Amino acid sequence: MVHCTAVSGKHDEARRLQEELHGQRAHRYVSPLNFALVHFGLGEHDEGLRDLELAFTERSAQLYLLAVEPRFDAVRGDPRFRALAEQHGLPATVS
C-alpha cells in the first residue's frame, strides 16, 4: 500500500505512512523489505538498496519474490541490485 502511494506521486503521504511502519517495529516485526519498496517507489534507490540488504541480513521470508515482484523493476537493472541478489543465491530476474 505504501509503495502504491509513493509511485502515485503522493510522496508526503508515503513518507508519513513509512514513519508509521517504523513506529510499528516496536510492537511487531516489519521487514526491511517493506521500507526498501517504499524507497524504490519514491525513487530513493540508494536507501532502498540499503534496506534490501538489511532484509537479506534478517532473512526476510518475502525475498523469494525478488526475481518476479514488479515493485523491484525500478532497480532491476542496477548492478548493485543484481550483485546483491547473486550474493545471496537468488536470481535478479526470471529468464
PDB file of N, CA and C in Angstrom:
ATOM      1  N   MET A   1       0.813  -1.189   0.000  1.00  0.00           N
ATOM      2  CA  MET A   1       0.000   0.000   0.000  1.00  0.00           C
ATOM      3  C   MET A   1       0.862   1.261   0.000  1.00  0.00           C
ATOM      4  N   VAL A   2       1.902   1.288   0.815  1.00  0.00           N
ATOM      5  CA  VAL A   2       2.736   2.481   0.885  1.00  0.00           C
ATOM      6  C   VAL A   2       3.493   2.666  -0.425  1.00  0.00           C
ATOM      7  N   HIS A   3       3.932   1.565  -1.024  1.00  0.00           N
ATOM      8  CA  HIS A   3       4.616   1.647  -2.318  1.00  0.00           C
ATOM      9  C   HIS A   3       3.694   2.271  -3.362  1.00  0.00           C
ATOM     10  N   CYS A   4       2.446   1.851  -3.397  1.00  0.00           N
ATOM     11  CA  CYS A   4       1.470   2.400  -4.352  1.00  0.00           C
ATOM     12  C   CYS A   4       1.283   3.896  -4.123  1.00  0.00           C
ATOM     13  N   THR A   5       1.224   4.285  -2.882  1.00  0.00           N
ATOM     14  CA  THR A   5       1.088   5.704  -2.550  1.00  0.00           C
ATOM     15  C   THR A   5       2.288   6.476  -3.070  1.00  0.00           C
ATOM     16  N   ALA A   6       3.481   5.913  -2.905  1.00  0.00           N
ATOM     17  CA  ALA A   6       4.705   6.573  -3.352  1.00  0.00           C
ATOM     18  C   ALA A   6       4.742   6.723  -4.869  1.00  0.00           C
ATOM     19  N   VAL A   7       4.463   5.634  -5.591  1.00  0.00           N
ATOM     20  CA  VAL A   7       4.552   5.709  -7.053  1.00  0.00           C
ATOM     21  C   VAL A   7       3.418   6.527  -7.663  1.00  0.00           C
ATOM     22  N   SER A   8       2.354   6.747  -6.910  1.00  0.00           N
ATOM     23  CA  SER A   8       1.266   7.584  -7.430  1.00  0.00           C
ATOM     24  C   SER A   8       1.561   9.070  -7.252  1.00  0.00           C
ATOM     25  N   GLY A   9       2.728   9.378  -6.683  1.00  0.00           N
ATOM     26  CA  GLY A   9       3.132  10.773  -6.542  1.00  0.00           C
ATOM     27  C   GLY A   9       2.765  11.411  -5.218  1.00  0.00           C
ATOM     28  N   LYS A  10       2.165  10.656  -4.321  1.00  0.00           N
ATOM     29  CA  LYS A  10       1.780  11.190  -3.015  1.00  0.00           C
ATOM     30  C   LYS A  10       2.930  10.974  -2.032  1.00  0.00           C
ATOM     31  N   HIS A  11       4.026  11.656  -2.297  1.00  0.00           N
ATOM     32  CA  HIS A  11       5.259  11.418  -1.547  1.00  0.00           C
ATOM     33  C   HIS A  11       5.145  11.763  -0.071  1.00  0.00           C
ATOM     34  N   ASP A  12       4.507  12.869   0.246  1.00  0.00           N
ATOM     35  CA  ASP A  12       4.368  13.248   1.657  1.00  0.00           C
ATOM     36  C   ASP A  12       3.566  12.204   2.423  1.00  0.00           C
ATOM     37  N   GLU A  13       2.486  11.737   1.821  1.00  0.00           N
ATOM     38  CA  GLU A  13       1.667  10.715   2.467  1.00  0.00           C
ATOM     39  C   GLU A  13       2.449   9.398   2.606  1.00  0.00           C
ATOM     40  N   ALA A  14       3.224   9.060   1.580  1.00  0.00           N
ATOM     41  CA  ALA A  14       4.031   7.832   1.634  1.00  0.00           C
ATOM     42  C   ALA A  14       5.055   7.919   2.759  1.00  0.00           C
ATOM     43  N   ARG A  15       5.671   9.074   2.910  1.00  0.00           N
ATOM     44  CA  ARG A  15       6.659   9.240   3.993  1.00  0.00           C
ATOM     45  C   ARG A  15       5.983   9.146   5.368  1.00  0.00           C
ATOM     46  N   ARG A  16       4.773   9.699   5.469  1.00  0.00           N
ATOM     47  CA  ARG A  16       4.039   9.614   6.736  1.00  0.00           C
ATOM     48  C   ARG A  16       3.707   8.155   7.055  1.00  0.00           C
ATOM     49  N   LEU A  17       3.235   7.422   6.062  1.00  0.00           N
ATOM     50  CA  LEU A  17       2.918   6.007   6.268  1.00  0.00           C
ATOM     51  C   LEU A  17       4.171   5.199   6.587  1.00  0.00           C
ATOM     52  N   GLN A  18       5.277   5.568   5.966  1.00  0.00           N
ATOM     53  CA  GLN A  18       6.538   4.885   6.252  1.00  0.00           C
ATOM     54  C   GLN A  18       6.949   5.114   7.707  1.00  0.00           C
ATOM     55  N   GLU A  19       6.742   6.317   8.198  1.00  0.00           N
ATOM     56  CA  GLU A  19       7.047   6.601   9.603  1.00  0.00           C
ATOM     57  C   GLU A  19       6.157   5.778  10.528  1.00  0.00           C
ATOM     58  N   GLU A  20       4.897   5.584  10.144  1.00  0.00           N
ATOM     59  CA  GLU A  20       4.008   4.732  10.930  1.00  0.00           C
ATOM     60  C   GLU A  20       4.546   3.298  10.977  1.00  0.00           C
ATOM     61  N   LEU A  21       5.040   2.823   9.839  1.00  0.00           N
ATOM     62  CA  LEU A  21       5.639   1.484   9.807  1.00  0.00           C
ATOM     63  C   LEU A  21       6.830   1.391  10.744  1.00  0.00           C
ATOM     64  N   HIS A  22       7.663   2.427  10.732  1.00  0.00           N
ATOM     65  CA  HIS A  22       8.815   2.437  11.648  1.00  0.00           C
ATOM     66  C   HIS A  22       8.343   2.353  13.091  1.00  0.00           C
ATOM     67  N   GLY A  23       7.280   3.069  13.417  1.00  0.00           N
ATOM     68  CA  GLY A  23       6.740   3.033  14.768  1.00  0.00           C
ATOM     69  C   GLY A  23       6.206   1.658  15.144  1.00  0.00           C
ATOM     70  N   GLN A  24       5.651   0.946  14.170  1.00  0.00           N
ATOM     71  CA  GLN A  24       5.114  -0.392  14.428  1.00  0.00           C
ATOM     72  C   GLN A  24       6.209  -1.407  14.728  1.00  0.00           C
ATOM     73  N   ARG A  25       7.431  -1.114  14.315  1.00  0.00           N
ATOM     74  CA  ARG A  25       8.537  -2.049  14.560  1.00  0.00           C
ATOM     75  C   ARG A  25       8.772  -2.274  16.059  1.00  0.00           C
ATOM     76  N   ALA A  26       8.329  -1.340  16.880  1.00  0.00           N
ATOM     77  CA  ALA A  26       8.492  -1.507  18.329  1.00  0.00           C
ATOM     78  C   ALA A  26       7.564  -2.585  18.866  1.00  0.00           C
ATOM     79  N   HIS A  27       6.496  -2.898  18.119  1.00  0.00           N
ATOM     80  CA  HIS A  27       5.480  -3.827  18.608  1.00  0.00           C
ATOM     81  C   HIS A  27       5.380  -5.120  17.812  1.00  0.00           C
ATOM     82  N   ARG A  28       5.877  -5.102  16.581  1.00  0.00           N
ATOM     83  CA  ARG A  28       5.792  -6.296  15.738  1.00  0.00           C
ATOM     84  C   ARG A  28       6.893  -6.244  14.688  1.00  0.00           C
ATOM     85  N   TYR A  29       7.131  -7.386  14.080  1.00  0.00           N
ATOM     86  CA  TYR A  29       8.156  -7.436  13.039  1.00  0.00           C
ATOM     87  C   TYR A  29       7.635  -6.787  11.762  1.00  0.00           C
ATOM     88  N   VAL A  30       8.393  -5.859  11.254  1.00  0.00           N
ATOM     89  CA  VAL A  30       8.139  -5.255   9.953  1.00  0.00           C
ATOM     90  C   VAL A  30       9.425  -5.429   9.162  1.00  0.00           C
ATOM     91  N   SER A  31       9.349  -6.173   8.080  1.00  0.00           N
ATOM     92  CA  SER A  31      10.532  -6.472   7.288  1.00  0.00           C
ATOM     93  C   SER A  31      11.123  -5.216   6.669  1.00  0.00           C
ATOM     94  N   PRO A  32      12.451  -5.115   6.665  1.00  0.00           N
ATOM     95  CA  PRO A  32      13.104  -4.006   5.964  1.00  0.00           C
ATOM     96  C   PRO A  32      12.747  -3.990   4.477  1.00  0.00           C
ATOM     97  N   LEU A  33      12.290  -5.119   3.968  1.00  0.00           N
ATOM     98  CA  LEU A  33      11.869  -5.185   2.575  1.00  0.00           C
ATOM     99  C   LEU A  33      10.732  -4.197   2.311  1.00  0.00           C
ATOM    100  N   ASN A  34       9.854  -4.025   3.279  1.00  0.00           N
ATOM    101  CA  ASN A  34       8.767  -3.053   3.128  1.00  0.00           C
ATOM    102  C   ASN A  34       9.309  -1.639   2.970  1.00  0.00           C
ATOM    103  N   PHE A  35      10.320  -1.313   3.743  1.00  0.00           N
ATOM    104  CA  PHE A  35      10.920   0.015   3.652  1.00  0.00           C
ATOM    105  C   PHE A  35      11.664   0.183   2.334  1.00  0.00           C
ATOM    106  N   ALA A  36      12.325  -0.887   1.887  1.00  0.00           N
ATOM    107  CA  ALA A  36      13.027  -0.836   0.605  1.00  0.00           C
ATOM    108  C   ALA A  36      12.054  -0.520  -0.521  1.00  0.00           C
ATOM    109  N   LEU A  37      10.904  -1.181  -0.515  1.00  0.00           N
ATOM    110  CA  LEU A  37       9.933  -0.967  -1.576  1.00  0.00           C
ATOM    111  C   LEU A  37       9.386   0.456  -1.569  1.00  0.00           C
ATOM    112  N   VAL A  38       9.217   1.031  -0.396  1.00  0.00           N
ATOM    113  CA  VAL A  38       8.770   2.428  -0.326  1.00  0.00           C
ATOM    114  C   VAL A  38       9.832   3.331  -0.928  1.00  0.00           C
ATOM    115  N   HIS A  39      11.083   3.101  -0.542  1.00  0.00           N
ATOM    116  CA  HIS A  39      12.176   3.923  -1.095  1.00  0.00           C
ATOM    117  C   HIS A  39      12.239   3.792  -2.612  1.00  0.00           C
ATOM    118  N   PHE A  40      12.091   2.568  -3.135  1.00  0.00           N
ATOM    119  CA  PHE A  40      12.109   2.390  -4.583  1.00  0.00           C
ATOM    120  C   PHE A  40      10.956   3.155  -5.226  1.00  0.00           C
ATOM    121  N   GLY A  41       9.797   3.127  -4.597  1.00  0.00           N
ATOM    122  CA  GLY A  41       8.641   3.860  -5.108  1.00  0.00           C
ATOM    123  C   GLY A  41       8.842   5.362  -5.109  1.00  0.00           C
ATOM    124  N   LEU A  42       9.652   5.840  -4.174  1.00  0.00           N
ATOM    125  CA  LEU A  42       9.962   7.271  -4.097  1.00  0.00           C
ATOM    126  C   LEU A  42      11.153   7.651  -4.972  1.00  0.00           C
ATOM    127  N   GLY A  43      11.764   6.658  -5.616  1.00  0.00           N
ATOM    128  CA  GLY A  43      12.940   6.925  -6.445  1.00  0.00           C
ATOM    129  C   GLY A  43      14.222   7.028  -5.643  1.00  0.00           C
ATOM    130  N   GLU A  44      14.197   6.613  -4.395  1.00  0.00           N
ATOM    131  CA  GLU A  44      15.363   6.683  -3.499  1.00  0.00           C
ATOM    132  C   GLU A  44      16.080   5.330  -3.520  1.00  0.00           C
ATOM    133  N   HIS A  45      16.770   5.061  -4.605  1.00  0.00           N
ATOM    134  CA  HIS A  45      17.354   3.740  -4.817  1.00  0.00           C
ATOM    135  C   HIS A  45      18.463   3.402  -3.830  1.00  0.00           C
ATOM    136  N   ASP A  46      19.296   4.361  -3.489  1.00  0.00           N
ATOM    137  CA  ASP A  46      20.379   4.080  -2.532  1.00  0.00           C
ATOM    138  C   ASP A  46      19.805   3.614  -1.193  1.00  0.00           C
ATOM    139  N   GLU A  47      18.803   4.336  -0.688  1.00  0.00           N
ATOM    140  CA  GLU A  47      18.189   3.976   0.583  1.00  0.00           C
ATOM    141  C   GLU A  47      17.467   2.634   0.477  1.00  0.00           C
ATOM    142  N   GLY A  48      16.796   2.414  -0.646  1.00  0.00           N
ATOM    143  CA  GLY A  48      16.088   1.159  -0.853  1.00  0.00           C
ATOM    144  C   GLY A  48      17.029  -0.031  -0.897  1.00  0.00           C
ATOM    145  N   LEU A  49      18.163   0.123  -1.557  1.00  0.00           N
ATOM    146  CA  LEU A  49      19.138  -0.972  -1.626  1.00  0.00           C
ATOM    147  C   LEU A  49      19.738  -1.250  -0.251  1.00  0.00           C
ATOM    148  N   ARG A  50      19.905  -0.209   0.544  1.00  0.00           N
ATOM    149  CA  ARG A  50      20.407  -0.394   1.913  1.00  0.00           C
ATOM    150  C   ARG A  50      19.407  -1.223   2.723  1.00  0.00           C
ATOM    151  N   ASP A  51      18.120  -0.890   2.611  1.00  0.00           N
ATOM    152  CA  ASP A  51      17.102  -1.646   3.336  1.00  0.00           C
ATOM    153  C   ASP A  51      16.954  -3.056   2.773  1.00  0.00           C
ATOM    154  N   LEU A  52      17.130  -3.219   1.472  1.00  0.00           N
ATOM    155  CA  LEU A  52      17.068  -4.547   0.870  1.00  0.00           C
ATOM    156  C   LEU A  52      18.195  -5.425   1.406  1.00  0.00           C
ATOM    157  N   GLU A  53      19.369  -4.838   1.549  1.00  0.00           N
ATOM    158  CA  GLU A  53      20.491  -5.586   2.117  1.00  0.00           C
ATOM    159  C   GLU A  53      20.180  -6.015   3.553  1.00  0.00           C
ATOM    160  N   LEU A  54      19.548  -5.139   4.311  1.00  0.00           N
ATOM    161  CA  LEU A  54      19.143  -5.473   5.676  1.00  0.00           C
ATOM    162  C   LEU A  54      18.104  -6.597   5.669  1.00  0.00           C
ATOM    163  N   ALA A  55      17.211  -6.582   4.687  1.00  0.00           N
ATOM    164  CA  ALA A  55      16.218  -7.662   4.567  1.00  0.00           C
ATOM    165  C   ALA A  55      16.913  -9.008   4.342  1.00  0.00           C
ATOM    166  N   PHE A  56      17.975  -9.000   3.556  1.00  0.00           N
ATOM    167  CA  PHE A  56      18.742 -10.234   3.373  1.00  0.00           C
ATOM    168  C   PHE A  56      19.402 -10.659   4.683  1.00  0.00           C
ATOM    169  N   THR A  57      19.949  -9.700   5.406  1.00  0.00           N
ATOM    170  CA  THR A  57      20.595  -9.993   6.688  1.00  0.00           C
ATOM    171  C   THR A  57      19.593 -10.603   7.662  1.00  0.00           C
ATOM    172  N   GLU A  58      18.369 -10.091   7.663  1.00  0.00           N
ATOM    173  CA  GLU A  58      17.326 -10.591   8.562  1.00  0.00           C
ATOM    174  C   GLU A  58      16.600 -11.807   7.993  1.00  0.00           C
ATOM    175  N   ARG A  59      16.992 -12.223   6.796  1.00  0.00           N
ATOM    176  CA  ARG A  59      16.389 -13.387   6.121  1.00  0.00           C
ATOM    177  C   ARG A  59      14.875 -13.240   5.964  1.00  0.00           C
ATOM    178  N   SER A  60      14.490 -12.094   5.433  1.00  0.00           N
ATOM    179  CA  SER A  60      13.080 -11.820   5.205  1.00  0.00           C
ATOM    180  C   SER A  60      12.461 -12.903   4.325  1.00  0.00           C
ATOM    181  N   ALA A  61      11.332 -13.407   4.740  1.00  0.00           N
ATOM    182  CA  ALA A  61      10.668 -14.500   4.027  1.00  0.00           C
ATOM    183  C   ALA A  61      10.188 -14.086   2.642  1.00  0.00           C
ATOM    184  N   GLN A  62       9.992 -12.818   2.409  1.00  0.00           N
ATOM    185  CA  GLN A  62       9.444 -12.347   1.138  1.00  0.00           C
ATOM    186  C   GLN A  62      10.486 -12.251   0.027  1.00  0.00           C
ATOM    187  N   LEU A  63      11.737 -12.482   0.330  1.00  0.00           N
ATOM    188  CA  LEU A  63      12.784 -12.309  -0.667  1.00  0.00           C
ATOM    189  C   LEU A  63      12.707 -13.313  -1.812  1.00  0.00           C
ATOM    190  N   TYR A  64      11.960 -14.384  -1.636  1.00  0.00           N
ATOM    191  CA  TYR A  64      11.825 -15.347  -2.721  1.00  0.00           C
ATOM    192  C   TYR A  64      11.135 -14.718  -3.933  1.00  0.00           C
ATOM    193  N   LEU A  65      10.471 -13.585  -3.742  1.00  0.00           N
ATOM    194  CA  LEU A  65       9.785 -12.883  -4.825  1.00  0.00           C
ATOM    195  C   LEU A  65      10.698 -11.948  -5.617  1.00  0.00           C
ATOM    196  N   LEU A  66      11.944 -11.860  -5.219  1.00  0.00           N
ATOM    197  CA  LEU A  66      12.868 -10.887  -5.789  1.00  0.00           C
ATOM    198  C   LEU A  66      12.866 -10.871  -7.312  1.00  0.00           C
ATOM    199  N   ALA A  67      12.889 -12.027  -7.947  1.00  0.00           N
ATOM    200  CA  ALA A  67      13.017 -12.100  -9.404  1.00  0.00           C
ATOM    201  C   ALA A  67      11.728 -11.763 -10.150  1.00  0.00           C
ATOM    202  N   VAL A  68      10.596 -11.831  -9.470  1.00  0.00           N
ATOM    203  CA  VAL A  68       9.320 -11.654 -10.185  1.00  0.00           C
ATOM    204  C   VAL A  68       8.478 -10.479  -9.704  1.00  0.00           C
ATOM    205  N   GLU A  69       8.770  -9.940  -8.549  1.00  0.00           N
ATOM    206  CA  GLU A  69       7.964  -8.857  -7.981  1.00  0.00           C
ATOM    207  C   GLU A  69       8.158  -7.572  -8.799  1.00  0.00           C
ATOM    208  N   PRO A  70       7.073  -7.062  -9.415  1.00  0.00           N
ATOM    209  CA  PRO A  70       7.195  -5.864 -10.260  1.00  0.00           C
ATOM    210  C   PRO A  70       7.665  -4.616  -9.515  1.00  0.00           C
ATOM    211  N   ARG A  71       7.468  -4.575  -8.203  1.00  0.00           N
ATOM    212  CA  ARG A  71       7.888  -3.381  -7.460  1.00  0.00           C
ATOM    213  C   ARG A  71       9.406  -3.236  -7.420  1.00  0.00           C
ATOM    214  N   PHE A  72      10.143  -4.272  -7.820  1.00  0.00           N
ATOM    215  CA  PHE A  72      11.603  -4.178  -7.920  1.00  0.00           C
ATOM    216  C   PHE A  72      12.055  -3.730  -9.303  1.00  0.00           C
ATOM    217  N   ASP A  73      11.141  -3.570 -10.235  1.00  0.00           N
ATOM    218  CA  ASP A  73      11.508  -3.234 -11.609  1.00  0.00           C
ATOM    219  C   ASP A  73      12.331  -1.952 -11.700  1.00  0.00           C
ATOM    220  N   ALA A  74      12.063  -1.003 -10.822  1.00  0.00           N
ATOM    221  CA  ALA A  74      12.775   0.276 -10.873  1.00  0.00           C
ATOM    222  C   ALA A  74      14.276   0.122 -10.658  1.00  0.00           C
ATOM    223  N   VAL A  75      14.682  -0.939  -9.964  1.00  0.00           N
ATOM    224  CA  VAL A  75      16.113  -1.126  -9.673  1.00  0.00           C
ATOM    225  C   VAL A  75      16.677  -2.413 -10.260  1.00  0.00           C
ATOM    226  N   ARG A  76      15.857  -3.139 -10.970  1.00  0.00           N
ATOM    227  CA  ARG A  76      16.292  -4.433 -11.500  1.00  0.00           C
ATOM    228  C   ARG A  76      17.543  -4.307 -12.374  1.00  0.00           C
ATOM    229  N   GLY A  77      17.700  -3.210 -13.086  1.00  0.00           N
ATOM    230  CA  GLY A  77      18.864  -3.006 -13.936  1.00  0.00           C
ATOM    231  C   GLY A  77      20.086  -2.458 -13.209  1.00  0.00           C
ATOM    232  N   ASP A  78      19.920  -2.109 -11.947  1.00  0.00           N
ATOM    233  CA  ASP A  78      21.028  -1.555 -11.161  1.00  0.00           C
ATOM    234  C   ASP A  78      22.011  -2.674 -10.833  1.00  0.00           C
ATOM    235  N   PRO A  79      23.280  -2.498 -11.167  1.00  0.00           N
ATOM    236  CA  PRO A  79      24.265  -3.553 -10.888  1.00  0.00           C
ATOM    237  C   PRO A  79      24.347  -3.926  -9.407  1.00  0.00           C
ATOM    238  N   ARG A  80      24.061  -2.982  -8.535  1.00  0.00           N
ATOM    239  CA  ARG A  80      24.096  -3.276  -7.093  1.00  0.00           C
ATOM    240  C   ARG A  80      22.975  -4.237  -6.717  1.00  0.00           C
ATOM    241  N   PHE A  81      21.807  -4.074  -7.342  1.00  0.00           N
ATOM    242  CA  PHE A  81      20.680  -4.975  -7.101  1.00  0.00           C
ATOM    243  C   PHE A  81      21.035  -6.383  -7.564  1.00  0.00           C
ATOM    244  N   ARG A  82      21.577  -6.458  -8.764  1.00  0.00           N
ATOM    245  CA  ARG A  82      21.943  -7.760  -9.332  1.00  0.00           C
ATOM    246  C   ARG A  82      23.015  -8.434  -8.480  1.00  0.00           C
ATOM    247  N   ALA A  83      23.995  -7.665  -8.031  1.00  0.00           N
ATOM    248  CA  ALA A  83      25.066  -8.222  -7.202  1.00  0.00           C
ATOM    249  C   ALA A  83      24.528  -8.703  -5.863  1.00  0.00           C
ATOM    250  N   LEU A  84      23.623  -7.960  -5.288  1.00  0.00           N
ATOM    251  CA  LEU A  84      23.037  -8.342  -4.004  1.00  0.00           C
ATOM    252  C   LEU A  84      22.255  -9.642  -4.141  1.00  0.00           C
ATOM    253  N   ALA A  85      21.451  -9.750  -5.185  1.00  0.00           N
ATOM    254  CA  ALA A  85      20.691 -10.984  -5.422  1.00  0.00           C
ATOM    255  C   ALA A  85      21.649 -12.153  -5.637  1.00  0.00           C
ATOM    256  N   GLU A  86      22.654 -11.946  -6.460  1.00  0.00           N
ATOM    257  CA  GLU A  86      23.614 -13.013  -6.763  1.00  0.00           C
ATOM    258  C   GLU A  86      24.377 -13.444  -5.515  1.00  0.00           C
ATOM    259  N   GLN A  87      24.759 -12.476  -4.711  1.00  0.00           N
ATOM    260  CA  GLN A  87      25.495 -12.755  -3.471  1.00  0.00           C
ATOM    261  C   GLN A  87      24.705 -13.696  -2.560  1.00  0.00           C
ATOM    262  N   HIS A  88      23.386 -13.605  -2.630  1.00  0.00           N
ATOM    263  CA  HIS A  88      22.540 -14.419  -1.762  1.00  0.00           C
ATOM    264  C   HIS A  88      21.905 -15.605  -2.490  1.00  0.00           C
ATOM    265  N   GLY A  89      22.407 -15.858  -3.700  1.00  0.00           N
ATOM    266  CA  GLY A  89      21.973 -17.054  -4.421  1.00  0.00           C
ATOM    267  C   GLY A  89      20.583 -16.965  -5.020  1.00  0.00           C
ATOM    268  N   LEU A  90      20.104 -15.755  -5.261  1.00  0.00           N
ATOM    269  CA  LEU A  90      18.786 -15.573  -5.869  1.00  0.00           C
ATOM    270  C   LEU A  90      18.937 -14.898  -7.231  1.00  0.00           C
ATOM    271  N   PRO A  91      18.068 -15.252  -8.154  1.00  0.00           N
ATOM    272  CA  PRO A  91      18.117 -14.544  -9.448  1.00  0.00           C
ATOM    273  C   PRO A  91      17.543 -13.146  -9.298  1.00  0.00           C
ATOM    274  N   ALA A  92      18.073 -12.205 -10.068  1.00  0.00           N
ATOM    275  CA  ALA A  92      17.559 -10.841 -10.050  1.00  0.00           C
ATOM    276  C   ALA A  92      16.372 -10.702 -10.995  1.00  0.00           C
ATOM    277  N   THR A  93      16.252 -11.638 -11.897  1.00  0.00           N
ATOM    278  CA  THR A  93      15.165 -11.627 -12.873  1.00  0.00           C
ATOM    279  C   THR A  93      14.922 -13.044 -13.367  1.00  0.00           C
ATOM    280  N   VAL A  94      13.772 -13.248 -13.918  1.00  0.00           N
ATOM    281  CA  VAL A  94      13.432 -14.555 -14.485  1.00  0.00           C
ATOM    282  C   VAL A  94      13.764 -14.529 -15.967  1.00  0.00           C
ATOM    283  N   SER A  95      14.458 -15.536 -16.431  1.00  0.00           N
ATOM    284  CA  SER A  95      14.838 -15.594 -17.853  1.00  0.00           C
ATOM    285  C   SER A  95      13.738 -16.153 -18.690  1.00  0.00           C
TER     286      SER A  95
END
